[in-house]
Each structure stands twice: as structure tokens, then as C-alpha cells.
Amino acid sequence: MRKKFSPRKGPFALLALFLLLFLAGIALGEPTRVLEQAWSICLSCIGIG
């Protein structure tokens, strides 16, 4: 007899958690902050800022 396939719930729960944290970061404006920091670092590296 073959066993019925039952998907594991752990990976789906982790995926849902990461998606929730990703959306929360976007809602709080984290991408903008990261780009601002990258911009200032790059300008200081090449001697403009």
C-alpha cells in the first residue's frame, strides 16, 4: 500500500512569516533608508560627498 502524500506545514509557515516581515519592512520605508545609506557611502567613496 502506498502512503498518501501530505504536504509539510513548516515550510509554508516560514514562507508566510518571511512574506509578512517583507511587507512590514516595505510599509515602514526600509528600502528608502537602505538606498539613502548606499547613496551616501558611494558618494563618500569617490570623494564627492
Protein backbone atom coordinates (compact mmCIF):
# COMPACT_ATOMS: atom_id res chain seq x y z
CA MET A 1 0.00 0.00 0.00
CA ARG A 2 1.16 3.49 -0.75
CA LYS A 3 1.02 6.29 1.73
CA LYS A 4 -0.99 9.35 0.86
CA PHE A 5 1.01 12.46 0.17
CA SER A 6 0.56 15.10 2.85
CA PRO A 7 2.49 18.35 2.44
CA ARG A 8 4.57 19.58 5.33
CA LYS A 9 3.28 22.71 7.05
CA GLY A 10 6.61 24.07 8.34
CA PRO A 11 7.95 25.49 5.06
CA PHE A 12 4.63 27.16 4.30
CA ALA A 13 4.52 28.73 7.75
CA LEU A 14 8.08 30.07 7.35
CA LEU A 15 7.27 31.42 3.90
CA ALA A 16 4.21 33.21 5.29
CA LEU A 17 6.29 34.66 8.14
CA PHE A 18 9.00 35.95 5.79
CA LEU A 19 6.41 37.43 3.46
CA LEU A 20 4.77 39.21 6.40
CA LEU A 21 8.13 40.62 7.56
CA PHE A 22 8.98 41.66 3.99
CA LEU A 23 5.72 43.57 3.63
CA ALA A 24 6.15 45.16 7.06
CA GLY A 25 9.62 46.40 6.07
CA ILE A 26 8.29 47.91 2.86
CA ALA A 27 5.43 49.58 4.76
CA LEU A 28 7.92 51.13 7.20
CA GLY A 29 10.07 52.58 4.41
CA GLU A 30 13.14 50.41 4.82
CA PRO A 31 14.06 50.27 1.09
CA THR A 32 14.28 54.05 1.00
CA ARG A 33 16.55 54.11 4.05
CA VAL A 34 18.84 51.46 2.58
CA LEU A 35 19.12 53.35 -0.71
CA GLU A 36 19.90 56.59 1.14
CA GLN A 37 22.71 54.91 3.04
CA ALA A 38 24.08 53.30 -0.12
CA TRP A 39 23.99 56.67 -1.90
CA SER A 40 25.93 58.43 0.87
CA ILE A 41 28.52 55.66 1.10
CA CYS A 42 29.10 55.67 -2.66
CA LEU A 43 29.46 59.45 -2.77
CA SER A 44 31.98 59.42 0.08
CA CYS A 45 33.93 56.58 -1.56
CA ILE A 46 34.51 58.52 -4.76
CA GLY A 47 35.27 61.73 -2.90
CA ILE A 48 32.22 63.83 -3.79
CA GLY A 49 30.31 63.76 -0.50
